[in-house]
Amino acid sequence: MNKGLLIVLSGPSGVGKGTVCSVLRKKMPDLVYSVSATTRSPRQGEIDGVNYFFKTREQFQEMMACDALLEHAEYVGNCYGTPRDFVERTLAGGQDVILEIEVQGALKVKEKFPEGVFIFLVPPSLDELKQRITGRGTETQDTINHRMTVAEEEMNLLSHYDYAVVNDEIEAACHRIESIITAEHCKASKYLAELGELPAAIEKA
């Protein structure tokens, strides 16, 4: 059985990663979402085990010590990480997995999974990004300013990604990502790899 695709959706805070990922999963129900662990407090409506695994800092550090995270990073005072075992088992079973993670984490995943599909979600403009962050009503002005500084730094890391998708409109952004996933499954290299495995499979038979 062919391994699934590891799709990494990333971008600056406030760009709409969570919303795009949620809509995309409804459009592509076979796409498996990898829930991240975090030490930040839940926002209104977020559910433990669905949006994130909410951990204390001590619990998170224990996961790090046990090498139970595929990647981890600290962002604006909170820790985020991807549980390793679930991702590896799902890919080995032939299903596509999507990670919705911060830029720091995405670059660490690329070191371990360079064959992954790395998509950077781009805001229409930095002014629009600031309005989205401010519109949450959950951030102090100092936090907003810090997030904007970090966002500008993260935009400079776009060259490390395979694709850039502008999140100007949710449905349009999801359609672009669907097209990317379809194209990745149609790459000649995937079929060449299958052909390369045929002689060994015939010998075993």
Protein backbone atom coordinates (compact mmCIF):
# COMPACT_ATOMS: atom_id res chain seq x y z
CA MET A 1 0.00 0.00 0.00
CA ASN A 2 1.32 3.46 -0.91
CA LYS A 3 2.08 5.82 1.93
CA GLY A 4 -0.24 8.76 2.35
CA LEU A 5 0.78 12.35 1.75
CA LEU A 6 1.84 14.52 4.66
CA ILE A 7 0.33 17.94 3.97
CA VAL A 8 1.61 20.77 6.15
CA LEU A 9 -0.53 23.91 6.20
CA SER A 10 1.22 26.82 7.82
CA GLY A 11 1.40 30.60 7.88
CA PRO A 12 1.45 33.55 10.28
CA SER A 13 -0.89 33.76 13.25
CA GLY A 14 -4.25 35.24 12.27
CA VAL A 15 -4.05 34.23 8.60
CA GLY A 16 -6.96 31.80 9.03
CA LYS A 17 -5.23 28.41 9.11
CA GLY A 18 -7.82 26.91 11.45
CA THR A 19 -10.81 28.10 9.44
CA VAL A 20 -9.35 27.00 6.11
CA CYS A 21 -8.40 23.60 7.52
CA SER A 22 -11.88 23.10 8.98
CA VAL A 23 -13.62 23.87 5.67
CA LEU A 24 -11.10 21.80 3.72
CA ARG A 25 -11.76 18.75 5.91
CA LYS A 26 -15.48 19.00 5.18
CA LYS A 27 -14.71 19.06 1.46
CA MET A 28 -12.20 16.19 1.76
CA PRO A 29 -13.55 13.87 4.49
CA ASP A 30 -10.82 11.27 3.88
CA LEU A 31 -8.17 13.82 4.84
CA VAL A 32 -6.99 12.96 8.37
CA TYR A 33 -6.41 15.89 10.70
CA SER A 34 -3.53 15.62 13.14
CA VAL A 35 -4.47 17.35 16.38
CA SER A 36 -1.59 19.33 17.89
CA ALA A 37 -0.69 19.57 21.56
CA THR A 38 -0.36 23.03 23.12
CA THR A 39 0.16 24.72 26.45
CA ARG A 40 -1.99 27.72 25.57
CA SER A 41 -5.43 28.15 27.13
CA PRO A 42 -8.48 27.10 25.08
CA ARG A 43 -10.29 29.86 23.21
CA GLN A 44 -14.06 30.05 23.40
CA GLY A 45 -15.61 27.03 21.71
CA GLU A 46 -12.39 25.01 21.45
CA ILE A 47 -12.57 21.39 22.64
CA ASP A 48 -9.74 19.31 24.08
CA GLY A 49 -8.81 16.50 21.71
CA VAL A 50 -10.66 18.12 18.81
CA ASN A 51 -9.00 21.49 18.27
CA TYR A 52 -5.90 20.80 20.37
CA PHE A 53 -4.68 18.55 23.13
CA PHE A 54 -4.44 21.15 25.88
CA LYS A 55 -1.48 20.36 28.15
CA THR A 56 0.21 21.92 31.13
CA ARG A 57 3.81 22.96 30.55
CA GLU A 58 4.93 20.03 32.71
CA GLN A 59 2.93 17.54 30.63
CA PHE A 60 4.31 19.02 27.43
CA GLN A 61 7.89 18.79 28.68
CA GLU A 62 7.32 15.13 29.53
CA MET A 63 6.19 14.49 25.92
CA MET A 64 9.34 16.22 24.68
CA ALA A 65 11.53 14.10 26.96
CA CYS A 66 9.90 10.88 25.69
CA ASP A 67 10.40 11.90 22.02
CA ALA A 68 6.64 11.67 21.60
CA LEU A 69 6.47 14.80 19.42
CA LEU A 70 7.28 15.00 15.72
CA GLU A 71 8.07 18.68 16.20
CA HIS A 72 7.62 21.28 18.87
CA ALA A 73 8.09 25.00 19.12
CA GLU A 74 7.40 27.87 21.49
CA TYR A 75 5.38 30.72 20.03
CA VAL A 76 4.37 33.91 21.87
CA GLY A 77 4.94 32.24 25.23
CA ASN A 78 3.10 28.98 24.48
CA CYS A 79 4.35 25.56 23.35
CA TYR A 80 2.95 23.68 20.35
CA GLY A 81 3.79 20.19 19.11
CA THR A 82 2.68 17.35 16.83
CA PRO A 83 2.24 13.86 18.36
CA ARG A 84 4.57 11.57 16.38
CA ASP A 85 2.96 8.13 16.61
CA PHE A 86 -0.44 9.05 15.18
CA VAL A 87 1.06 10.75 12.11
CA GLU A 88 3.45 7.93 11.26
CA ARG A 89 0.82 5.19 11.66
CA THR A 90 -1.74 7.04 9.53
CA LEU A 91 0.70 7.71 6.69
CA ALA A 92 1.87 4.09 6.72
CA GLY A 93 -1.77 3.04 6.36
CA GLY A 94 -2.06 4.96 3.09
CA GLN A 95 -4.12 7.91 4.33
CA ASP A 96 -3.27 11.57 3.80
CA VAL A 97 -2.58 13.58 6.94
CA ILE A 98 -2.85 17.35 7.24
CA LEU A 99 -0.93 19.27 9.88
CA GLU A 100 -2.08 22.81 10.67
CA ILE A 101 0.90 24.23 12.53
CA GLU A 102 2.99 27.32 13.14
CA VAL A 103 5.87 28.22 10.83
CA GLN A 104 8.61 27.19 13.28
CA GLY A 105 7.07 23.74 13.63
CA ALA A 106 6.58 23.35 9.88
CA LEU A 107 10.27 23.91 9.20
CA LYS A 108 11.18 21.27 11.80
CA VAL A 109 8.80 18.79 10.17
CA LYS A 110 10.46 19.47 6.82
CA GLU A 111 13.79 18.35 8.27
CA LYS A 112 12.27 14.93 9.11
CA PHE A 113 9.76 14.66 6.25
CA PRO A 114 11.25 16.50 3.24
CA GLU A 115 8.85 14.54 1.01
CA GLY A 116 5.89 16.30 2.64
CA VAL A 117 3.77 18.89 0.85
CA PHE A 118 4.38 22.28 2.46
CA ILE A 119 1.75 24.98 1.89
CA PHE A 120 2.11 28.55 3.17
CA LEU A 121 -1.19 30.38 3.72
CA VAL A 122 -0.62 34.02 2.80
CA PRO A 123 -2.76 36.97 4.00
CA PRO A 124 -4.05 39.35 1.32
CA SER A 125 -1.96 42.05 3.06
CA LEU A 126 -0.32 42.71 6.42
CA ASP A 127 -2.98 45.35 7.13
CA GLU A 128 -5.69 42.73 6.62
CA LEU A 129 -3.78 40.34 8.87
CA LYS A 130 -3.65 42.94 11.65
CA GLN A 131 -7.40 43.53 11.35
CA ARG A 132 -8.06 39.79 11.67
CA ILE A 133 -5.91 39.47 14.79
CA THR A 134 -7.46 42.60 16.34
CA GLY A 135 -10.94 41.34 15.46
CA ARG A 136 -10.53 38.28 17.69
CA GLY A 137 -10.89 40.54 20.72
CA THR A 138 -8.73 38.16 22.76
CA GLU A 139 -5.32 39.83 22.41
CA THR A 140 -3.75 42.80 24.19
CA GLN A 141 -2.19 45.56 22.11
CA ASP A 142 1.29 44.41 23.10
CA THR A 143 0.48 40.87 21.96
CA ILE A 144 -0.95 42.15 18.68
CA ASN A 145 2.19 44.18 18.01
CA HIS A 146 4.38 41.17 18.81
CA ARG A 147 2.34 38.89 16.55
CA MET A 148 2.68 41.36 13.68
CA THR A 149 6.45 41.55 14.14
CA VAL A 150 6.64 37.74 14.12
CA ALA A 151 4.31 37.56 11.09
CA GLU A 152 6.62 39.78 9.04
CA GLU A 153 9.59 37.58 9.97
CA GLU A 154 7.63 34.45 9.02
CA MET A 155 6.67 35.86 5.62
CA ASN A 156 10.39 35.93 4.84
CA LEU A 157 10.48 32.12 5.22
CA LEU A 158 8.12 31.53 2.29
CA SER A 159 10.98 30.19 0.15
CA HIS A 160 11.11 27.05 2.34
CA TYR A 161 7.62 26.02 1.18
CA ASP A 162 6.40 24.22 -1.93
CA TYR A 163 3.26 26.29 -2.46
CA ALA A 164 1.79 29.66 -1.48
CA VAL A 165 -2.00 30.08 -1.22
CA VAL A 166 -3.54 33.51 -0.63
CA ASN A 167 -6.41 33.34 1.87
CA ASP A 168 -8.47 36.11 0.35
CA GLU A 169 -11.66 34.05 0.42
CA ILE A 170 -12.11 30.77 2.29
CA GLU A 171 -13.76 28.71 -0.46
CA ALA A 172 -11.25 29.87 -3.06
CA ALA A 173 -8.30 29.08 -0.78
CA CYS A 174 -9.67 25.59 -0.11
CA HIS A 175 -10.16 24.96 -3.82
CA ARG A 176 -6.51 25.86 -4.46
CA ILE A 177 -5.34 23.48 -1.74
CA GLU A 178 -7.57 20.69 -3.12
CA SER A 179 -5.95 21.21 -6.51
CA ILE A 180 -2.47 21.00 -4.98
CA ILE A 181 -3.28 17.70 -3.25
CA THR A 182 -4.75 16.24 -6.44
CA ALA A 183 -1.66 17.28 -8.40
CA GLU A 184 0.67 15.75 -5.81
CA HIS A 185 -1.13 12.42 -6.10
CA CYS A 186 -0.67 12.53 -9.87
CA LYS A 187 3.09 13.06 -9.78
CA ALA A 188 4.98 10.68 -12.03
CA SER A 189 7.45 9.99 -9.22
CA LYS A 190 4.72 8.21 -7.21
CA TYR A 191 4.02 5.82 -10.07
CA LEU A 192 7.69 5.29 -10.80
CA ALA A 193 8.13 4.28 -7.16
CA GLU A 194 5.30 1.76 -7.53
CA LEU A 195 6.89 0.28 -10.67
CA GLY A 196 10.19 0.00 -8.84
CA GLU A 197 8.50 -2.12 -6.17
CA LEU A 198 6.86 -4.51 -8.66
CA PRO A 199 9.81 -6.93 -9.16
CA ALA A 200 10.17 -7.44 -5.41
CA ALA A 201 6.43 -8.00 -5.06
CA ILE A 202 6.44 -10.55 -7.90
CA GLU A 203 9.34 -12.45 -6.36
CA LYS A 204 7.54 -12.65 -3.01
CA ALA A 205 4.41 -13.92 -4.76
